[in-house]
Amino acid sequence: MERMTESIMQVATTLPEGVPLAAKGLLHLGSRAAVDQTLSRLAARGELIRAGRGIYMRPVQTRFGPRSPSAEQAIEALAAQRGETIVPSGASAANALGLTTQVPVQSVYLTSGRSRVLSLGRQVVELRHAPRWQLALGNKTSGQVVRALAWLGPEQATGALPILRSKLTDTAKMELITVAPQFPTWLARLIGKLVHG
């Protein structure tokens, strides 16, 4: 068992900050039960952080002691590792675009994968499965516009159009028009008004 502990920690130390260590990626070291047991033991000792089911991360060492990796780094690494699209929620997008002054209390991201919760130390990050159209333009400004308008809903989204017009480049407008057929009818109509004035 000590040999497996050393092997897992060797793998963990080669990973950049925030990159998750998945139990499935360690099956070359032993059986799933043995890997899970060793990971649990390492988490109990504080050498790894259990972020979610089968997902562990190495704590970041600072001069003030160990801390959890940032949510942004962890989400970015998880998206790359799992092949998922993961983007900030509509509330976060609306805040980033200046459509609301409300700052989301909880970190919520939309994902093409299954819904789940990650624990990064004291920070809890919720991943919610979202329809494909909400993820269509990823982390681009045009993607933020889609998620912000979806979050505002048909009644309030119209009031956001003047603010959005001043922030969008011609490229972003073209991106929105290109993917508009994927959107619900009310949103496709709104995108037309946004782009064509």
Protein backbone atom coordinates (compact mmCIF):
# COMPACT_ATOMS: atom_id res chain seq x y z
CA MET A 1 0.00 0.00 0.00
CA GLU A 2 2.90 2.40 0.76
CA ARG A 3 4.23 1.82 -2.72
CA MET A 4 0.87 2.84 -4.22
CA THR A 5 0.78 5.93 -1.97
CA GLU A 6 4.20 6.97 -3.23
CA SER A 7 3.22 6.29 -6.85
CA ILE A 8 0.01 8.35 -6.57
CA MET A 9 1.84 11.24 -4.93
CA GLN A 10 4.50 11.06 -7.64
CA VAL A 11 1.78 11.45 -10.28
CA ALA A 12 0.11 14.25 -8.28
CA THR A 13 3.31 16.27 -7.98
CA THR A 14 3.82 16.25 -11.76
CA LEU A 15 0.43 17.90 -12.35
CA PRO A 16 0.15 21.69 -12.64
CA GLU A 17 -1.85 23.61 -10.03
CA GLY A 18 -5.58 22.90 -10.16
CA VAL A 19 -5.37 19.87 -12.44
CA PRO A 20 -7.56 17.10 -11.03
CA LEU A 21 -6.29 13.65 -10.29
CA ALA A 22 -8.98 11.17 -11.30
CA ALA A 23 -9.19 7.73 -9.74
CA LYS A 24 -9.84 6.27 -13.21
CA GLY A 25 -6.53 7.67 -14.41
CA LEU A 26 -4.62 5.70 -11.77
CA LEU A 27 -5.91 2.20 -12.48
CA HIS A 28 -2.52 1.22 -13.91
CA LEU A 29 -1.27 1.26 -10.30
CA GLY A 30 -3.74 -1.28 -8.94
CA SER A 31 -7.39 -2.26 -8.58
CA ARG A 32 -10.07 0.40 -8.37
CA ALA A 33 -10.75 -0.46 -4.72
CA ALA A 34 -7.05 -0.13 -3.79
CA VAL A 35 -6.72 3.17 -5.68
CA ASP A 36 -9.88 4.57 -4.05
CA GLN A 37 -8.73 3.48 -0.61
CA THR A 38 -5.27 5.04 -1.06
CA LEU A 39 -6.76 8.30 -2.38
CA SER A 40 -9.13 8.46 0.62
CA ARG A 41 -6.22 7.91 2.97
CA LEU A 42 -4.18 10.67 1.28
CA ALA A 43 -7.16 13.04 1.54
CA ALA A 44 -7.61 12.22 5.23
CA ARG A 45 -3.92 13.05 5.81
CA GLY A 46 -4.31 16.38 3.97
CA GLU A 47 -1.91 15.44 1.18
CA LEU A 48 -4.75 15.59 -1.37
CA ILE A 49 -8.11 17.40 -1.47
CA ARG A 50 -11.20 15.41 -2.37
CA ALA A 51 -13.04 17.69 -4.80
CA GLY A 52 -15.82 15.29 -5.77
CA ARG A 53 -16.59 11.66 -6.44
CA GLY A 54 -13.37 10.14 -7.80
CA ILE A 55 -11.75 13.57 -8.24
CA TYR A 56 -8.80 14.68 -6.11
CA MET A 57 -6.43 17.64 -6.27
CA ARG A 58 -3.11 18.48 -4.74
CA PRO A 59 -3.25 21.44 -2.33
CA VAL A 60 -1.24 24.45 -3.46
CA GLN A 61 1.68 25.20 -1.15
CA THR A 62 2.10 28.89 -0.29
CA ARG A 63 4.26 30.66 2.27
CA PHE A 64 1.13 30.83 4.47
CA GLY A 65 0.56 27.09 4.22
CA PRO A 66 -1.49 24.87 1.92
CA ARG A 67 -4.60 26.17 0.16
CA SER A 68 -7.09 24.82 -2.35
CA PRO A 69 -6.53 25.55 -6.04
CA SER A 70 -8.63 28.39 -7.48
CA ALA A 71 -12.07 27.42 -8.79
CA GLU A 72 -11.27 28.85 -12.23
CA GLN A 73 -8.12 26.75 -12.61
CA ALA A 74 -9.85 23.62 -11.35
CA ILE A 75 -12.83 24.09 -13.68
CA GLU A 76 -10.60 24.78 -16.68
CA ALA A 77 -8.50 21.69 -15.97
CA LEU A 78 -11.58 19.52 -15.35
CA ALA A 79 -13.12 20.66 -18.65
CA ALA A 80 -9.94 19.77 -20.54
CA GLN A 81 -9.54 16.44 -18.76
CA ARG A 82 -13.15 15.30 -19.20
CA GLY A 83 -13.74 16.82 -22.65
CA GLU A 84 -16.69 18.86 -21.34
CA THR A 85 -17.70 22.40 -22.08
CA ILE A 86 -17.88 24.25 -18.75
CA VAL A 87 -18.77 27.96 -18.63
CA PRO A 88 -19.85 30.45 -15.93
CA SER A 89 -23.60 30.61 -15.26
CA GLY A 90 -25.98 33.19 -16.72
CA ALA A 91 -25.94 35.21 -13.48
CA SER A 92 -22.15 35.46 -13.63
CA ALA A 93 -22.28 36.38 -17.32
CA ALA A 94 -24.89 39.11 -16.65
CA ASN A 95 -22.69 40.51 -13.89
CA ALA A 96 -19.56 40.43 -16.09
CA LEU A 97 -21.41 42.27 -18.89
CA GLY A 98 -22.69 44.96 -16.51
CA LEU A 99 -26.35 43.92 -16.82
CA THR A 100 -26.72 43.42 -13.07
CA THR A 101 -24.84 44.50 -9.98
CA GLN A 102 -25.80 41.31 -8.17
CA VAL A 103 -22.80 39.12 -7.53
CA PRO A 104 -23.65 35.41 -7.35
CA VAL A 105 -23.08 34.09 -3.82
CA GLN A 106 -22.35 30.56 -4.94
CA SER A 107 -20.03 29.57 -7.79
CA VAL A 108 -22.24 27.99 -10.44
CA TYR A 109 -21.02 26.77 -13.81
CA LEU A 110 -22.96 25.26 -16.70
CA THR A 111 -21.64 22.05 -18.18
CA SER A 112 -22.24 19.69 -21.07
CA GLY A 113 -21.55 16.85 -18.60
CA ARG A 114 -23.63 15.67 -15.68
CA SER A 115 -24.66 17.92 -12.79
CA ARG A 116 -22.45 17.62 -9.72
CA VAL A 117 -20.87 19.54 -6.86
CA LEU A 118 -17.13 20.05 -6.34
CA SER A 119 -15.64 20.96 -2.98
CA LEU A 120 -12.45 22.97 -3.24
CA GLY A 121 -11.52 23.43 0.39
CA ARG A 122 -14.15 25.78 1.80
CA GLN A 123 -15.44 26.76 -1.62
CA VAL A 124 -18.30 24.78 -3.12
CA VAL A 125 -18.67 24.87 -6.90
CA GLU A 126 -21.87 23.64 -8.49
CA LEU A 127 -21.81 22.26 -12.03
CA ARG A 128 -25.26 22.22 -13.65
CA HIS A 129 -26.02 20.36 -16.84
CA ALA A 130 -27.24 22.88 -19.42
CA PRO A 131 -28.84 22.62 -22.86
CA ARG A 132 -26.36 22.68 -25.75
CA TRP A 133 -27.52 26.08 -27.01
CA GLN A 134 -26.44 27.77 -23.77
CA LEU A 135 -22.93 26.39 -24.24
CA ALA A 136 -22.73 27.07 -27.99
CA LEU A 137 -20.23 29.93 -27.92
CA GLY A 138 -18.23 28.85 -24.89
CA ASN A 139 -16.31 31.52 -22.97
CA LYS A 140 -16.46 34.11 -25.77
CA THR A 141 -18.25 37.41 -25.12
CA SER A 142 -21.00 36.25 -27.49
CA GLY A 143 -21.44 33.14 -25.30
CA GLN A 144 -21.73 35.34 -22.22
CA VAL A 145 -24.45 37.33 -24.00
CA VAL A 146 -26.45 34.16 -24.69
CA ARG A 147 -26.23 32.95 -21.08
CA ALA A 148 -26.98 36.41 -19.65
CA LEU A 149 -30.07 36.85 -21.83
CA ALA A 150 -31.27 33.32 -20.98
CA TRP A 151 -30.80 34.10 -17.27
CA LEU A 152 -32.71 37.40 -17.57
CA GLY A 153 -35.59 35.67 -19.38
CA PRO A 154 -37.93 36.93 -22.12
CA GLU A 155 -39.50 39.70 -19.99
CA GLN A 156 -36.31 41.40 -18.74
CA ALA A 157 -33.88 40.63 -21.58
CA THR A 158 -35.22 43.35 -23.90
CA GLY A 159 -34.09 46.06 -21.48
CA ALA A 160 -30.51 44.75 -21.70
CA LEU A 161 -30.19 45.22 -25.47
CA PRO A 162 -28.91 48.86 -25.46
CA ILE A 163 -26.14 47.97 -22.98
CA LEU A 164 -25.15 44.88 -24.98
CA ARG A 165 -25.09 46.75 -28.32
CA SER A 166 -22.40 49.06 -26.98
CA LYS A 167 -20.25 46.13 -25.82
CA LEU A 168 -20.42 43.82 -28.83
CA THR A 169 -17.89 43.79 -31.64
CA ASP A 170 -18.92 43.01 -35.22
CA THR A 171 -17.28 39.59 -34.83
CA ALA A 172 -19.36 38.81 -31.73
CA LYS A 173 -22.53 39.91 -33.53
CA MET A 174 -21.73 37.58 -36.45
CA GLU A 175 -21.10 34.70 -34.03
CA LEU A 176 -24.51 35.28 -32.45
CA ILE A 177 -26.31 35.40 -35.80
CA THR A 178 -24.55 32.21 -36.94
CA VAL A 179 -25.74 30.13 -33.97
CA ALA A 180 -29.14 31.83 -33.49
CA PRO A 181 -31.05 28.94 -35.17
CA GLN A 182 -30.13 26.74 -32.14
CA PHE A 183 -31.81 29.13 -29.67
CA PRO A 184 -35.39 29.09 -28.41
CA THR A 185 -37.62 31.30 -30.59
CA TRP A 186 -37.84 34.19 -28.11
CA LEU A 187 -34.04 34.35 -27.80
CA ALA A 188 -33.42 34.05 -31.57
CA ARG A 189 -35.84 36.97 -32.10
CA LEU A 190 -34.04 38.99 -29.41
CA ILE A 191 -30.63 38.28 -30.98
CA GLY A 192 -31.99 39.58 -34.31
CA LYS A 193 -33.07 42.82 -32.59
CA LEU A 194 -29.72 43.08 -30.82
CA VAL A 195 -27.67 42.69 -34.00
CA HIS A 196 -29.86 44.49 -36.54
CA GLY A 197 -31.11 47.21 -34.17
